[in-house]
């Protein structure tokens, strides 16, 4: 399917996708959340993708026509646990495709957490029918950053 004039295929992640998916996560986090302190090193993030997310979770990647990874999404139960796009792919409809995929795979509903400082994410999820239902002081997340829980129910 075409996104921004380029062909992108959403598919389940393979072990070989762990390194490029972690790279997308790192670049996206740095671009979208420059003021949020990451509690894990780059090597730890790569290990988490390699040892946990790709082999043990329902992890999806957006593969570009040249074989690169433009985005990553992780579903854990009813939670949309991760959704990160390479910065150059933001605003091209790829996030919309990931959310549509998540809704197809979780037709009973979804929940997710995002940081309170991430206004663009709030607007994105609200546009997709998610509603903010809980705000915290961040004491329950690794970053110790205030966050908000969003829920979508069909």
N, C-alpha and C. Protein backbone atom coordinates (compact mmCIF):
# COMPACT_ATOMS: atom_id res chain seq x y z
N UNK A 1 0.84 -1.18 0.00
CA UNK A 1 0.00 0.00 0.00
C UNK A 1 0.88 1.24 0.00
N UNK A 2 0.42 2.28 -0.61
CA UNK A 2 1.20 3.49 -0.77
C UNK A 2 0.97 4.45 0.40
N UNK A 3 2.06 5.03 0.88
CA UNK A 3 2.03 6.04 1.93
C UNK A 3 2.92 7.17 1.46
N UNK A 4 2.35 8.35 1.32
CA UNK A 4 3.14 9.49 0.88
C UNK A 4 3.84 9.25 -0.45
N UNK A 5 3.20 8.47 -1.34
CA UNK A 5 3.77 8.20 -2.65
C UNK A 5 4.77 7.06 -2.68
N UNK A 6 5.03 6.43 -1.53
CA UNK A 6 5.97 5.31 -1.47
C UNK A 6 5.25 4.07 -0.96
N UNK A 7 5.68 2.92 -1.44
CA UNK A 7 5.07 1.67 -1.03
C UNK A 7 5.58 1.25 0.34
N UNK A 8 4.64 0.96 1.24
CA UNK A 8 4.96 0.52 2.60
C UNK A 8 4.08 -0.68 2.91
N UNK A 9 4.68 -1.72 3.44
CA UNK A 9 3.97 -2.93 3.79
C UNK A 9 3.99 -3.12 5.31
N UNK A 10 2.81 -3.23 5.93
CA UNK A 10 2.76 -3.54 7.36
C UNK A 10 2.76 -5.05 7.51
N UNK A 11 3.68 -5.56 8.31
CA UNK A 11 3.79 -7.00 8.51
C UNK A 11 4.34 -7.30 9.89
N UNK A 12 4.14 -8.55 10.33
CA UNK A 12 4.70 -8.97 11.62
C UNK A 12 6.22 -8.90 11.55
N UNK A 13 6.80 -8.49 12.65
CA UNK A 13 8.25 -8.35 12.71
C UNK A 13 8.92 -9.73 12.75
N UNK A 14 10.07 -9.80 12.12
CA UNK A 14 10.92 -10.98 12.12
C UNK A 14 12.14 -10.67 12.98
N UNK A 15 12.88 -11.70 13.43
CA UNK A 15 14.08 -11.42 14.23
C UNK A 15 15.02 -10.41 13.59
N UNK A 16 15.16 -10.43 12.28
CA UNK A 16 16.05 -9.49 11.60
C UNK A 16 15.57 -8.05 11.68
N UNK A 17 14.31 -7.84 12.06
CA UNK A 17 13.76 -6.49 12.17
C UNK A 17 14.07 -5.82 13.52
N UNK A 18 14.58 -6.57 14.48
CA UNK A 18 14.78 -6.02 15.82
C UNK A 18 15.71 -4.81 15.82
N UNK A 19 16.83 -4.89 15.13
CA UNK A 19 17.79 -3.78 15.13
C UNK A 19 17.21 -2.54 14.44
N UNK A 20 16.67 -2.67 13.21
CA UNK A 20 16.11 -1.45 12.60
C UNK A 20 14.88 -0.92 13.34
N UNK A 21 14.07 -1.79 13.93
CA UNK A 21 12.90 -1.33 14.70
C UNK A 21 13.35 -0.55 15.94
N UNK A 22 14.38 -1.05 16.62
CA UNK A 22 14.93 -0.33 17.77
C UNK A 22 15.49 1.02 17.33
N UNK A 23 16.11 1.06 16.16
CA UNK A 23 16.62 2.32 15.63
C UNK A 23 15.51 3.33 15.39
N UNK A 24 14.39 2.86 14.85
CA UNK A 24 13.23 3.74 14.64
C UNK A 24 12.76 4.26 16.00
N UNK A 25 12.64 3.37 16.98
CA UNK A 25 12.19 3.77 18.32
C UNK A 25 13.11 4.86 18.87
N UNK A 26 14.41 4.64 18.80
CA UNK A 26 15.37 5.60 19.36
C UNK A 26 15.28 6.95 18.67
N UNK A 27 15.22 6.97 17.34
CA UNK A 27 15.15 8.23 16.61
C UNK A 27 13.83 8.94 16.85
N UNK A 28 12.75 8.17 16.89
CA UNK A 28 11.44 8.76 17.11
C UNK A 28 11.33 9.35 18.51
N UNK A 29 11.78 8.61 19.50
CA UNK A 29 11.74 9.09 20.88
C UNK A 29 12.53 10.39 21.02
N UNK A 30 13.72 10.42 20.44
CA UNK A 30 14.57 11.61 20.53
C UNK A 30 13.91 12.81 19.85
N UNK A 31 13.26 12.58 18.72
CA UNK A 31 12.64 13.68 17.97
C UNK A 31 11.36 14.18 18.64
N UNK A 32 10.54 13.25 19.13
CA UNK A 32 9.22 13.61 19.67
C UNK A 32 9.26 14.02 21.14
N UNK A 33 10.23 13.50 21.88
CA UNK A 33 10.25 13.70 23.33
C UNK A 33 11.63 14.15 23.82
N UNK A 34 12.15 15.25 23.28
CA UNK A 34 13.52 15.65 23.63
C UNK A 34 13.71 15.96 25.11
N UNK A 35 12.66 16.34 25.83
CA UNK A 35 12.79 16.67 27.24
C UNK A 35 12.57 15.51 28.19
N UNK A 36 12.25 14.34 27.65
CA UNK A 36 11.98 13.17 28.49
C UNK A 36 13.27 12.35 28.61
N UNK A 37 13.64 12.05 29.83
CA UNK A 37 14.86 11.28 30.08
C UNK A 37 14.58 9.80 29.84
N UNK A 38 15.42 9.17 28.99
CA UNK A 38 15.29 7.74 28.75
C UNK A 38 16.04 6.97 29.85
N UNK A 39 15.38 6.01 30.49
CA UNK A 39 16.04 5.26 31.55
C UNK A 39 16.93 4.11 31.03
N UNK A 40 16.88 3.85 29.72
CA UNK A 40 17.66 2.75 29.14
C UNK A 40 18.62 3.29 28.09
N UNK A 41 19.80 2.68 28.05
CA UNK A 41 20.80 3.04 27.05
C UNK A 41 20.36 2.53 25.67
N UNK A 42 21.03 3.00 24.63
CA UNK A 42 20.74 2.51 23.29
C UNK A 42 20.89 1.00 23.23
N UNK A 43 21.97 0.48 23.84
CA UNK A 43 22.20 -0.98 23.82
C UNK A 43 21.07 -1.72 24.53
N UNK A 44 20.57 -1.17 25.62
CA UNK A 44 19.46 -1.81 26.33
C UNK A 44 18.18 -1.79 25.50
N UNK A 45 17.94 -0.70 24.79
CA UNK A 45 16.77 -0.62 23.90
C UNK A 45 16.89 -1.68 22.80
N UNK A 46 18.07 -1.78 22.20
CA UNK A 46 18.27 -2.80 21.17
C UNK A 46 18.06 -4.21 21.73
N UNK A 47 18.56 -4.47 22.92
CA UNK A 47 18.36 -5.78 23.55
C UNK A 47 16.90 -6.05 23.86
N UNK A 48 16.16 -5.03 24.28
CA UNK A 48 14.74 -5.19 24.58
C UNK A 48 13.96 -5.56 23.32
N UNK A 49 14.26 -4.92 22.20
CA UNK A 49 13.61 -5.29 20.94
C UNK A 49 14.00 -6.70 20.53
N UNK A 50 15.29 -7.02 20.62
CA UNK A 50 15.81 -8.32 20.18
C UNK A 50 15.30 -9.47 21.06
N UNK A 51 15.30 -9.27 22.38
CA UNK A 51 15.03 -10.37 23.31
C UNK A 51 13.59 -10.43 23.81
N UNK A 52 12.85 -9.33 23.73
CA UNK A 52 11.51 -9.29 24.31
C UNK A 52 10.45 -8.94 23.26
N UNK A 53 10.52 -7.74 22.72
CA UNK A 53 9.42 -7.27 21.87
C UNK A 53 9.21 -8.11 20.62
N UNK A 54 10.27 -8.33 19.85
CA UNK A 54 10.09 -9.07 18.59
C UNK A 54 9.76 -10.54 18.84
N UNK A 55 10.48 -11.25 19.71
CA UNK A 55 10.15 -12.68 19.85
C UNK A 55 8.93 -12.99 20.72
N UNK A 56 8.58 -12.12 21.67
CA UNK A 56 7.55 -12.47 22.65
C UNK A 56 6.25 -11.69 22.53
N UNK A 57 6.24 -10.62 21.77
CA UNK A 57 5.06 -9.77 21.67
C UNK A 57 4.58 -9.73 20.22
N UNK A 58 3.38 -9.23 20.05
CA UNK A 58 2.84 -9.04 18.71
C UNK A 58 3.40 -7.73 18.16
N UNK A 59 4.54 -7.84 17.51
CA UNK A 59 5.25 -6.68 17.02
C UNK A 59 5.09 -6.60 15.50
N UNK A 60 4.77 -5.40 15.03
CA UNK A 60 4.56 -5.14 13.61
C UNK A 60 5.55 -4.08 13.16
N UNK A 61 5.97 -4.17 11.91
CA UNK A 61 6.83 -3.14 11.33
C UNK A 61 6.21 -2.65 10.03
N UNK A 62 6.58 -1.43 9.68
CA UNK A 62 6.25 -0.86 8.38
C UNK A 62 7.51 -0.97 7.55
N UNK A 63 7.47 -1.86 6.56
CA UNK A 63 8.62 -2.09 5.71
C UNK A 63 8.49 -1.25 4.44
N UNK A 64 9.53 -0.48 4.14
CA UNK A 64 9.52 0.36 2.94
C UNK A 64 9.91 -0.47 1.72
N UNK A 65 9.68 0.12 0.55
CA UNK A 65 9.95 -0.60 -0.70
C UNK A 65 11.42 -0.99 -0.85
N UNK A 66 12.33 -0.28 -0.15
CA UNK A 66 13.75 -0.63 -0.22
C UNK A 66 14.18 -1.57 0.91
N UNK A 67 13.20 -2.10 1.67
CA UNK A 67 13.50 -3.05 2.73
C UNK A 67 13.80 -2.43 4.08
N UNK A 68 13.72 -1.12 4.18
CA UNK A 68 13.95 -0.45 5.46
C UNK A 68 12.73 -0.52 6.36
N UNK A 69 12.89 -0.11 7.60
CA UNK A 69 11.79 -0.07 8.56
C UNK A 69 11.47 1.39 8.85
N UNK A 70 10.21 1.77 8.59
CA UNK A 70 9.77 3.15 8.78
C UNK A 70 8.97 3.34 10.06
N UNK A 71 8.51 2.25 10.66
CA UNK A 71 7.71 2.35 11.87
C UNK A 71 7.61 1.01 12.56
N UNK A 72 7.19 1.07 13.83
CA UNK A 72 7.03 -0.14 14.63
C UNK A 72 5.82 0.04 15.55
N UNK A 73 5.07 -1.05 15.70
CA UNK A 73 3.91 -1.06 16.61
C UNK A 73 3.93 -2.37 17.37
N UNK A 74 3.62 -2.30 18.67
CA UNK A 74 3.57 -3.49 19.51
C UNK A 74 2.21 -3.54 20.20
N UNK A 75 1.55 -4.68 20.07
CA UNK A 75 0.30 -4.93 20.77
C UNK A 75 0.56 -5.97 21.85
N UNK A 76 0.11 -5.68 23.07
CA UNK A 76 0.21 -6.62 24.18
C UNK A 76 -1.17 -6.70 24.81
N UNK A 77 -1.87 -7.81 24.56
CA UNK A 77 -3.24 -7.91 25.02
C UNK A 77 -4.04 -6.80 24.37
N UNK A 78 -4.80 -6.06 25.19
CA UNK A 78 -5.59 -4.95 24.63
C UNK A 78 -4.81 -3.64 24.59
N UNK A 79 -3.55 -3.68 24.94
CA UNK A 79 -2.75 -2.45 24.98
C UNK A 79 -1.96 -2.24 23.70
N UNK A 80 -2.06 -1.05 23.17
CA UNK A 80 -1.19 -0.61 22.10
C UNK A 80 0.05 -0.09 22.83
N UNK A 81 1.02 -1.00 23.02
CA UNK A 81 2.14 -0.72 23.91
C UNK A 81 3.21 0.18 23.30
N UNK A 82 3.37 0.13 21.98
CA UNK A 82 4.37 0.94 21.31
C UNK A 82 3.82 1.34 19.94
N UNK A 83 4.04 2.57 19.56
CA UNK A 83 3.78 3.03 18.20
C UNK A 83 4.74 4.17 17.93
N UNK A 84 5.76 3.88 17.14
CA UNK A 84 6.79 4.85 16.84
C UNK A 84 7.07 4.84 15.35
N UNK A 85 7.21 6.03 14.79
CA UNK A 85 7.52 6.20 13.37
C UNK A 85 8.86 6.92 13.22
N UNK A 86 9.60 6.52 12.20
CA UNK A 86 10.82 7.27 11.88
C UNK A 86 10.40 8.72 11.64
N UNK A 87 11.16 9.69 12.16
CA UNK A 87 10.75 11.09 12.05
C UNK A 87 10.38 11.53 10.62
N UNK A 88 11.10 11.03 9.64
CA UNK A 88 10.81 11.43 8.26
C UNK A 88 9.52 10.83 7.72
N UNK A 89 8.92 9.91 8.45
CA UNK A 89 7.66 9.28 8.04
C UNK A 89 6.45 9.85 8.77
N UNK A 90 6.64 10.74 9.69
CA UNK A 90 5.51 11.34 10.40
C UNK A 90 4.69 12.21 9.45
N UNK A 91 3.38 12.23 9.64
CA UNK A 91 2.51 13.07 8.85
C UNK A 91 2.21 12.55 7.46
N UNK A 92 2.50 11.29 7.19
CA UNK A 92 2.28 10.71 5.86
C UNK A 92 1.20 9.63 5.85
N UNK A 93 0.50 9.43 6.97
CA UNK A 93 -0.57 8.44 7.02
C UNK A 93 -0.17 7.08 7.53
N UNK A 94 1.11 6.90 7.83
CA UNK A 94 1.57 5.61 8.31
C UNK A 94 1.02 5.28 9.70
N UNK A 95 0.99 6.28 10.59
CA UNK A 95 0.41 6.07 11.92
C UNK A 95 -1.06 5.70 11.82
N UNK A 96 -1.78 6.33 10.87
CA UNK A 96 -3.19 6.01 10.65
C UNK A 96 -3.35 4.53 10.28
N UNK A 97 -2.47 4.05 9.42
CA UNK A 97 -2.53 2.64 9.00
C UNK A 97 -2.25 1.71 10.18
N UNK A 98 -1.29 2.05 11.01
CA UNK A 98 -0.99 1.22 12.18
C UNK A 98 -2.19 1.17 13.13
N UNK A 99 -2.82 2.32 13.38
CA UNK A 99 -3.97 2.33 14.29
C UNK A 99 -5.13 1.53 13.70
N UNK A 100 -5.36 1.64 12.41
CA UNK A 100 -6.41 0.84 11.77
C UNK A 100 -6.12 -0.65 11.92
N UNK A 101 -4.87 -1.03 11.75
CA UNK A 101 -4.47 -2.43 11.93
C UNK A 101 -4.71 -2.87 13.37
N UNK A 102 -4.32 -2.04 14.32
CA UNK A 102 -4.51 -2.38 15.73
C UNK A 102 -6.00 -2.57 16.04
N UNK A 103 -6.84 -1.71 15.51
CA UNK A 103 -8.29 -1.82 15.74
C UNK A 103 -8.86 -3.09 15.11
N UNK A 104 -8.35 -3.47 13.94
CA UNK A 104 -8.81 -4.72 13.30
C UNK A 104 -8.42 -5.93 14.15
N UNK A 105 -7.23 -5.88 14.75
CA UNK A 105 -6.74 -7.01 15.54
C UNK A 105 -7.26 -7.00 16.98
N UNK A 106 -7.79 -5.87 17.43
CA UNK A 106 -8.36 -5.74 18.77
C UNK A 106 -9.73 -5.08 18.66
N UNK A 107 -10.70 -5.75 18.02
CA UNK A 107 -12.00 -5.11 17.77
C UNK A 107 -12.80 -4.83 19.04
N UNK A 108 -12.43 -5.43 20.16
CA UNK A 108 -13.13 -5.18 21.43
C UNK A 108 -12.68 -3.87 22.07
N UNK A 109 -11.52 -3.37 21.65
CA UNK A 109 -11.04 -2.11 22.19
C UNK A 109 -9.55 -2.13 22.46
N UNK A 110 -9.01 -0.94 22.66
CA UNK A 110 -7.58 -0.75 22.90
C UNK A 110 -7.37 0.29 23.99
N UNK A 111 -6.23 0.19 24.65
CA UNK A 111 -5.80 1.25 25.56
C UNK A 111 -4.32 1.52 25.29
N UNK A 112 -3.85 2.65 25.74
CA UNK A 112 -2.45 3.00 25.56
C UNK A 112 -2.08 4.10 26.55
N UNK A 113 -0.80 4.25 26.76
CA UNK A 113 -0.26 5.32 27.59
C UNK A 113 0.62 6.21 26.72
N UNK A 114 0.58 7.49 26.96
CA UNK A 114 1.52 8.42 26.34
C UNK A 114 1.84 9.50 27.37
N UNK A 115 2.95 10.17 27.16
CA UNK A 115 3.35 11.19 28.12
C UNK A 115 2.48 12.43 27.98
N UNK A 116 2.23 13.09 29.11
CA UNK A 116 1.41 14.29 29.10
C UNK A 116 2.02 15.39 28.23
N UNK A 117 3.34 15.43 28.13
CA UNK A 117 4.00 16.47 27.33
C UNK A 117 3.88 16.24 25.83
N UNK A 118 3.37 15.08 25.42
CA UNK A 118 3.32 14.72 24.00
C UNK A 118 1.98 15.12 23.38
N UNK A 119 1.78 16.42 23.25
CA UNK A 119 0.55 16.95 22.67
C UNK A 119 0.22 16.40 21.30
N UNK A 120 1.19 16.28 20.38
CA UNK A 120 0.87 15.72 19.07
C UNK A 120 0.29 14.30 19.16
N UNK A 121 0.81 13.48 20.08
CA UNK A 121 0.27 12.12 20.24
C UNK A 121 -1.16 12.19 20.76
N UNK A 122 -1.43 13.08 21.70
CA UNK A 122 -2.80 13.22 22.22
C UNK A 122 -3.76 13.54 21.08
N UNK A 123 -3.40 14.52 20.26
CA UNK A 123 -4.28 14.90 19.14
C UNK A 123 -4.44 13.75 18.15
N UNK A 124 -3.37 13.03 17.87
CA UNK A 124 -3.41 11.90 16.95
C UNK A 124 -4.39 10.84 17.46
N UNK A 125 -4.25 10.44 18.71
CA UNK A 125 -5.12 9.38 19.24
C UNK A 125 -6.57 9.86 19.38
N UNK A 126 -6.77 11.09 19.78
CA UNK A 126 -8.14 11.63 19.87
C UNK A 126 -8.80 11.63 18.49
N UNK A 127 -8.03 11.96 17.46
CA UNK A 127 -8.55 11.94 16.09
C UNK A 127 -9.00 10.53 15.69
N UNK A 128 -8.39 9.53 16.31
CA UNK A 128 -8.72 8.13 16.02
C UNK A 128 -9.73 7.55 17.01
N UNK A 129 -10.41 8.40 17.76
CA UNK A 129 -11.49 7.96 18.63
C UNK A 129 -11.07 7.53 20.02
N UNK A 130 -9.83 7.74 20.40
CA UNK A 130 -9.38 7.41 21.75
C UNK A 130 -9.79 8.55 22.69
N UNK A 131 -10.07 8.20 23.92
CA UNK A 131 -10.45 9.18 24.93
C UNK A 131 -9.49 9.09 26.11
N UNK A 132 -9.03 10.24 26.59
CA UNK A 132 -8.16 10.29 27.77
C UNK A 132 -9.00 9.96 29.00
N UNK A 133 -8.56 8.97 29.78
CA UNK A 133 -9.35 8.52 30.93
C UNK A 133 -8.59 8.55 32.25
N UNK A 134 -7.28 8.70 32.21
CA UNK A 134 -6.51 8.67 33.46
C UNK A 134 -5.21 9.45 33.27
N UNK A 135 -4.88 10.28 34.26
CA UNK A 135 -3.64 11.04 34.26
C UNK A 135 -2.86 10.63 35.51
N UNK A 136 -1.55 10.46 35.37
CA UNK A 136 -0.74 10.08 36.52
C UNK A 136 0.43 11.05 36.68
N UNK A 137 1.10 10.92 37.81
CA UNK A 137 2.27 11.75 38.08
C UNK A 137 3.56 11.12 37.53
N UNK A 138 3.45 9.96 36.88
CA UNK A 138 4.60 9.29 36.29
C UNK A 138 5.33 8.36 37.23
N UNK A 139 4.87 8.21 38.44
CA UNK A 139 5.59 7.36 39.40
C UNK A 139 5.55 5.88 39.03
N UNK A 140 4.68 5.49 38.10
CA UNK A 140 4.59 4.07 37.71
C UNK A 140 5.30 3.76 36.39
N UNK A 141 5.93 4.76 35.76
CA UNK A 141 6.67 4.45 34.53
C UNK A 141 8.16 4.65 34.75
N UNK A 142 8.95 4.02 33.91
CA UNK A 142 10.41 4.06 34.05
C UNK A 142 10.99 5.46 33.94
N UNK A 143 10.37 6.27 33.12
CA UNK A 143 10.88 7.62 32.87
C UNK A 143 10.55 8.59 34.00
N UNK A 144 9.60 8.22 34.85
CA UNK A 144 9.11 9.09 35.93
C UNK A 144 8.53 10.38 35.35
N UNK A 145 7.86 10.22 34.21
CA UNK A 145 7.28 11.34 33.47
C UNK A 145 5.77 11.25 33.56
N UNK A 146 5.08 12.32 33.94
CA UNK A 146 3.62 12.28 33.99
C UNK A 146 3.04 11.78 32.67
N UNK A 147 2.06 10.88 32.78
CA UNK A 147 1.48 10.30 31.58
C UNK A 147 -0.03 10.30 31.62
N UNK A 148 -0.61 9.88 30.51
CA UNK A 148 -2.06 9.83 30.37
C UNK A 148 -2.43 8.54 29.66
N UNK A 149 -3.50 7.92 30.13
CA UNK A 149 -4.00 6.68 29.52
C UNK A 149 -5.17 7.04 28.62
N UNK A 150 -5.13 6.50 27.40
CA UNK A 150 -6.19 6.67 26.42
C UNK A 150 -6.86 5.32 26.18
N UNK A 151 -8.16 5.36 25.91
CA UNK A 151 -8.93 4.14 25.65
C UNK A 151 -9.77 4.36 24.40
N UNK A 152 -9.85 3.32 23.58
CA UNK A 152 -10.76 3.30 22.43
C UNK A 152 -11.68 2.09 22.59
N UNK A 153 -12.96 2.35 22.50
CA UNK A 153 -13.96 1.28 22.49
C UNK A 153 -14.84 1.48 21.26
N UNK A 154 -15.11 0.40 20.52
CA UNK A 154 -15.93 0.55 19.30
C UNK A 154 -17.36 0.97 19.62
